[in-house]
Amino acid sequence: MPPVMFLALIGAAGIAGYRILSSVLGGSKSLHRGADGARRARTRDLGNLEWDESAGVYRPSTKRES
């Protein structure tokens, strides 16, 4: 009977450790999600973009449309 109680105690400690570890790691994921939102908040609207052949990238349109 003592080996069964020992295994039950080890199992309970394992489950408690798993829950503590998952809550600690789950909290860090929510911090990363908050950082993504802050990163998106810093973006700005450039308006219409046009292709710049010489540079090979899109740039804000020089024409102003009202």
C-alpha atoms as a PDB file:
ATOM      1  CA  MET A   1       0.000   0.000   0.000  1.00  0.00           C
ATOM      2  CA  PRO A   2       2.792   2.549   0.701  1.00  0.00           C
ATOM      3  CA  PRO A   3       4.099   2.361  -2.921  1.00  0.00           C
ATOM      4  CA  VAL A   4       0.618   3.243  -4.218  1.00  0.00           C
ATOM      5  CA  MET A   5       0.408   6.222  -1.875  1.00  0.00           C
ATOM      6  CA  PHE A   6       3.897   7.311  -2.954  1.00  0.00           C
ATOM      7  CA  LEU A   7       2.908   7.151  -6.642  1.00  0.00           C
ATOM      8  CA  ALA A   8      -0.280   9.120  -5.901  1.00  0.00           C
ATOM      9  CA  LEU A   9       1.783  11.773  -4.122  1.00  0.00           C
ATOM     10  CA  ILE A  10       4.231  11.982  -7.044  1.00  0.00           C
ATOM     11  CA  GLY A  11       1.290  12.272  -9.469  1.00  0.00           C
ATOM     12  CA  ALA A  12      -0.344  15.053  -7.467  1.00  0.00           C
ATOM     13  CA  ALA A  13       2.955  16.942  -7.260  1.00  0.00           C
ATOM     14  CA  GLY A  14       3.426  16.532 -11.008  1.00  0.00           C
ATOM     15  CA  ILE A  15      -0.021  17.891 -11.789  1.00  0.00           C
ATOM     16  CA  ALA A  16       0.482  20.848  -9.438  1.00  0.00           C
ATOM     17  CA  GLY A  17       3.872  21.581 -10.999  1.00  0.00           C
ATOM     18  CA  TYR A  18       2.404  21.410 -14.481  1.00  0.00           C
ATOM     19  CA  ARG A  19      -0.366  23.864 -13.578  1.00  0.00           C
ATOM     20  CA  ILE A  20       2.089  26.306 -12.005  1.00  0.00           C
ATOM     21  CA  LEU A  21       4.445  26.086 -14.970  1.00  0.00           C
ATOM     22  CA  SER A  22       1.646  26.511 -17.502  1.00  0.00           C
ATOM     23  CA  SER A  23       0.316  29.575 -15.680  1.00  0.00           C
ATOM     24  CA  VAL A  24       3.774  31.136 -15.626  1.00  0.00           C
ATOM     25  CA  LEU A  25       4.334  30.449 -19.318  1.00  0.00           C
ATOM     26  CA  GLY A  26       0.776  31.474 -20.201  1.00  0.00           C
ATOM     27  CA  GLY A  27       1.393  34.876 -18.603  1.00  0.00           C
ATOM     28  CA  SER A  28       4.424  35.479 -20.796  1.00  0.00           C
ATOM     29  CA  LYS A  29       2.370  34.730 -23.915  1.00  0.00           C
ATOM     30  CA  SER A  30      -0.139  37.395 -22.959  1.00  0.00           C
ATOM     31  CA  LEU A  31       2.736  39.854 -22.615  1.00  0.00           C
ATOM     32  CA  HIS A  32       3.840  39.038 -26.152  1.00  0.00           C
ATOM     33  CA  ARG A  33       0.316  39.602 -27.424  1.00  0.00           C
ATOM     34  CA  GLY A  34       0.341  43.033 -25.765  1.00  0.00           C
ATOM     35  CA  ALA A  35       3.632  43.882 -27.459  1.00  0.00           C
ATOM     36  CA  ASP A  36       2.148  42.974 -30.857  1.00  0.00           C
ATOM     37  CA  GLY A  37      -0.748  45.345 -30.239  1.00  0.00           C
ATOM     38  CA  ALA A  38       1.638  48.148 -29.303  1.00  0.00           C
ATOM     39  CA  ARG A  39       3.668  47.490 -32.434  1.00  0.00           C
ATOM     40  CA  ARG A  40       0.526  47.754 -34.567  1.00  0.00           C
ATOM     41  CA  ALA A  41      -0.445  50.990 -32.824  1.00  0.00           C
ATOM     42  CA  ARG A  42       2.782  52.637 -34.040  1.00  0.00           C
ATOM     43  CA  THR A  43       2.006  52.015 -37.716  1.00  0.00           C
ATOM     44  CA  ARG A  44       0.749  54.906 -39.768  1.00  0.00           C
ATOM     45  CA  ASP A  45      -1.351  55.159 -42.874  1.00  0.00           C
ATOM     46  CA  LEU A  46       0.754  56.109 -45.890  1.00  0.00           C
ATOM     47  CA  GLY A  47      -2.215  56.551 -48.190  1.00  0.00           C
ATOM     48  CA  ASN A  48      -2.023  55.270 -51.749  1.00  0.00           C
ATOM     49  CA  LEU A  49       1.191  53.558 -52.751  1.00  0.00           C
ATOM     50  CA  GLU A  50       2.819  53.428 -56.171  1.00  0.00           C
ATOM     51  CA  TRP A  51       5.546  51.146 -57.510  1.00  0.00           C
ATOM     52  CA  ASP A  52       9.008  52.749 -57.789  1.00  0.00           C
ATOM     53  CA  GLU A  53      10.750  50.935 -60.677  1.00  0.00           C
ATOM     54  CA  SER A  54      14.241  52.224 -59.894  1.00  0.00           C
ATOM     55  CA  ALA A  55      14.184  51.134 -56.240  1.00  0.00           C
ATOM     56  CA  GLY A  56      11.917  48.107 -56.701  1.00  0.00           C
ATOM     57  CA  VAL A  57       9.677  49.023 -53.770  1.00  0.00           C
ATOM     58  CA  TYR A  58       6.311  50.645 -53.133  1.00  0.00           C
ATOM     59  CA  ARG A  59       6.414  54.285 -52.056  1.00  0.00           C
ATOM     60  CA  PRO A  60       3.708  56.752 -50.990  1.00  0.00           C
ATOM     61  CA  SER A  61       2.030  58.376 -53.962  1.00  0.00           C
ATOM     62  CA  THR A  62       3.311  61.875 -54.761  1.00  0.00           C
ATOM     63  CA  LYS A  63      -0.093  62.867 -56.185  1.00  0.00           C
ATOM     64  CA  ARG A  64      -2.524  64.326 -53.644  1.00  0.00           C
ATOM     65  CA  GLU A  65      -6.109  63.297 -54.246  1.00  0.00           C
ATOM     66  CA  SER A  66      -8.813  65.383 -52.599  1.00  0.00           C
END
